[in-house]
């Protein structure tokens, strides 16, 4: 069968002060709004921007701070953020003691 045009993958790991810079760098690497032109009067904003969607979010769940990373992989951009984003994502995942005890 034909491959889908896009796929969305969501990953989670614990947030701690020790990986604060990793999370910031990951957010910058995955910043999908850079390069978007500012809308002129009467133009519409992208729906994701209006909804407040972000590829990197720090959430509070069950008394813990969690980083949720959502990757939107497309045929045109199979590796969002490139190698840098995936290296930073790996550091975040490796820092979570619940994932790698």
C-alpha atoms as a PDB file:
ATOM      1  CA  UNK A   1       0.000   0.000   0.000  1.00  0.00           C
ATOM      2  CA  UNK A   2       0.921   3.647  -0.248  1.00  0.00           C
ATOM      3  CA  UNK A   3       2.711   5.350   2.620  1.00  0.00           C
ATOM      4  CA  UNK A   4       0.849   8.085   4.493  1.00  0.00           C
ATOM      5  CA  UNK A   5       1.784  11.710   3.771  1.00  0.00           C
ATOM      6  CA  UNK A   6       2.652  12.342   7.430  1.00  0.00           C
ATOM      7  CA  UNK A   7       2.967  10.621  10.780  1.00  0.00           C
ATOM      8  CA  UNK A   8       2.972  12.085  14.266  1.00  0.00           C
ATOM      9  CA  UNK A   9       5.092  10.489  16.993  1.00  0.00           C
ATOM     10  CA  UNK A  10       4.932  11.557  20.628  1.00  0.00           C
ATOM     11  CA  UNK A  11       7.614  10.741  23.198  1.00  0.00           C
ATOM     12  CA  UNK A  12       7.771  11.537  26.919  1.00  0.00           C
ATOM     13  CA  UNK A  13      10.501  11.698  29.511  1.00  0.00           C
ATOM     14  CA  UNK A  14      10.976  13.161  32.983  1.00  0.00           C
ATOM     15  CA  UNK A  15      12.048  16.787  33.216  1.00  0.00           C
ATOM     16  CA  UNK A  16      14.723  17.842  35.682  1.00  0.00           C
ATOM     17  CA  UNK A  17      16.904  20.905  36.115  1.00  0.00           C
ATOM     18  CA  UNK A  18      19.889  18.893  34.873  1.00  0.00           C
ATOM     19  CA  UNK A  19      18.404  18.660  31.360  1.00  0.00           C
ATOM     20  CA  UNK A  20      16.967  22.174  31.162  1.00  0.00           C
ATOM     21  CA  UNK A  21      19.445  23.217  28.450  1.00  0.00           C
ATOM     22  CA  UNK A  22      18.778  20.019  26.475  1.00  0.00           C
ATOM     23  CA  UNK A  23      15.041  20.779  26.480  1.00  0.00           C
ATOM     24  CA  UNK A  24      15.637  24.392  25.407  1.00  0.00           C
ATOM     25  CA  UNK A  25      17.949  23.315  22.586  1.00  0.00           C
ATOM     26  CA  UNK A  26      15.449  20.669  21.483  1.00  0.00           C
ATOM     27  CA  UNK A  27      12.678  23.276  21.378  1.00  0.00           C
ATOM     28  CA  UNK A  28      14.876  25.514  19.212  1.00  0.00           C
ATOM     29  CA  UNK A  29      15.839  22.642  16.892  1.00  0.00           C
ATOM     30  CA  UNK A  30      12.172  21.728  16.391  1.00  0.00           C
ATOM     31  CA  UNK A  31      10.863  25.311  16.130  1.00  0.00           C
ATOM     32  CA  UNK A  32       8.435  25.015  13.242  1.00  0.00           C
ATOM     33  CA  UNK A  33       7.512  28.699  13.338  1.00  0.00           C
ATOM     34  CA  UNK A  34      10.934  30.002  12.324  1.00  0.00           C
ATOM     35  CA  UNK A  35      10.851  31.142   8.755  1.00  0.00           C
ATOM     36  CA  UNK A  36       7.095  31.664   8.726  1.00  0.00           C
ATOM     37  CA  UNK A  37       6.279  35.113   7.435  1.00  0.00           C
ATOM     38  CA  UNK A  38       4.348  37.337   9.794  1.00  0.00           C
ATOM     39  CA  UNK A  39       0.737  37.538   8.647  1.00  0.00           C
ATOM     40  CA  UNK A  40      -0.469  40.796   7.219  1.00  0.00           C
ATOM     41  CA  UNK A  41      -3.719  42.393   8.280  1.00  0.00           C
ATOM     42  CA  UNK A  42      -6.627  40.168   7.252  1.00  0.00           C
ATOM     43  CA  UNK A  43      -4.518  37.037   6.748  1.00  0.00           C
ATOM     44  CA  UNK A  44      -5.033  33.882   8.743  1.00  0.00           C
ATOM     45  CA  UNK A  45      -2.544  32.307  11.123  1.00  0.00           C
ATOM     46  CA  UNK A  46      -1.726  28.590  10.871  1.00  0.00           C
ATOM     47  CA  UNK A  47      -4.211  26.579  12.973  1.00  0.00           C
ATOM     48  CA  UNK A  48      -1.419  25.030  15.063  1.00  0.00           C
ATOM     49  CA  UNK A  49      -0.163  28.474  16.035  1.00  0.00           C
ATOM     50  CA  UNK A  50      -3.650  29.620  17.033  1.00  0.00           C
ATOM     51  CA  UNK A  51      -4.212  26.427  19.044  1.00  0.00           C
ATOM     52  CA  UNK A  52      -0.903  26.882  20.865  1.00  0.00           C
ATOM     53  CA  UNK A  53       0.550  23.612  19.571  1.00  0.00           C
ATOM     54  CA  UNK A  54       4.243  23.192  20.225  1.00  0.00           C
ATOM     55  CA  UNK A  55       6.530  20.250  19.435  1.00  0.00           C
ATOM     56  CA  UNK A  56       8.136  20.489  22.908  1.00  0.00           C
ATOM     57  CA  UNK A  57       6.037  20.964  26.029  1.00  0.00           C
ATOM     58  CA  UNK A  58       6.794  20.679  29.733  1.00  0.00           C
ATOM     59  CA  UNK A  59       3.713  19.402  31.546  1.00  0.00           C
ATOM     60  CA  UNK A  60       2.846  18.588  35.133  1.00  0.00           C
ATOM     61  CA  UNK A  61       1.411  15.069  35.542  1.00  0.00           C
ATOM     62  CA  UNK A  62       0.960  13.112  38.753  1.00  0.00           C
ATOM     63  CA  UNK A  63       3.268  15.415  40.680  1.00  0.00           C
ATOM     64  CA  UNK A  64       6.085  15.092  38.137  1.00  0.00           C
ATOM     65  CA  UNK A  65       7.321  17.389  35.400  1.00  0.00           C
ATOM     66  CA  UNK A  66       7.205  15.618  32.048  1.00  0.00           C
ATOM     67  CA  UNK A  67       8.631  16.683  28.700  1.00  0.00           C
ATOM     68  CA  UNK A  68       6.390  15.734  25.783  1.00  0.00           C
ATOM     69  CA  UNK A  69       7.988  15.889  22.350  1.00  0.00           C
ATOM     70  CA  UNK A  70       5.738  15.550  19.326  1.00  0.00           C
ATOM     71  CA  UNK A  71       7.410  14.960  15.984  1.00  0.00           C
ATOM     72  CA  UNK A  72       5.524  15.473  12.752  1.00  0.00           C
ATOM     73  CA  UNK A  73       7.353  13.444  10.147  1.00  0.00           C
ATOM     74  CA  UNK A  74       6.424  14.065   6.523  1.00  0.00           C
ATOM     75  CA  UNK A  75       7.732  12.918   3.188  1.00  0.00           C
ATOM     76  CA  UNK A  76       9.267  16.356   2.695  1.00  0.00           C
ATOM     77  CA  UNK A  77      10.776  16.376   6.213  1.00  0.00           C
ATOM     78  CA  UNK A  78      11.215  12.797   7.479  1.00  0.00           C
ATOM     79  CA  UNK A  79      13.519  13.929  10.336  1.00  0.00           C
ATOM     80  CA  UNK A  80      12.101  17.122  11.860  1.00  0.00           C
ATOM     81  CA  UNK A  81      14.959  19.159  13.311  1.00  0.00           C
ATOM     82  CA  UNK A  82      17.525  16.900  11.675  1.00  0.00           C
ATOM     83  CA  UNK A  83      20.277  15.029  13.469  1.00  0.00           C
ATOM     84  CA  UNK A  84      20.660  17.709  16.130  1.00  0.00           C
ATOM     85  CA  UNK A  85      17.056  17.249  17.306  1.00  0.00           C
ATOM     86  CA  UNK A  86      17.400  13.473  17.398  1.00  0.00           C
ATOM     87  CA  UNK A  87      20.664  13.655  19.357  1.00  0.00           C
ATOM     88  CA  UNK A  88      19.027  15.994  21.894  1.00  0.00           C
ATOM     89  CA  UNK A  89      15.965  13.753  22.070  1.00  0.00           C
ATOM     90  CA  UNK A  90      18.264  10.814  22.810  1.00  0.00           C
ATOM     91  CA  UNK A  91      19.910  12.744  25.664  1.00  0.00           C
ATOM     92  CA  UNK A  92      16.508  13.526  27.123  1.00  0.00           C
ATOM     93  CA  UNK A  93      15.350   9.915  26.929  1.00  0.00           C
ATOM     94  CA  UNK A  94      18.618   8.632  28.430  1.00  0.00           C
ATOM     95  CA  UNK A  95      18.293  11.048  31.360  1.00  0.00           C
ATOM     96  CA  UNK A  96      14.980   9.513  32.487  1.00  0.00           C
ATOM     97  CA  UNK A  97      15.673   6.928  35.221  1.00  0.00           C
ATOM     98  CA  UNK A  98      12.233   5.383  34.664  1.00  0.00           C
ATOM     99  CA  UNK A  99      13.084   4.561  31.049  1.00  0.00           C
ATOM    100  CA  UNK A 100      16.583   3.255  31.738  1.00  0.00           C
ATOM    101  CA  UNK A 101      16.819   2.156  35.389  1.00  0.00           C
END
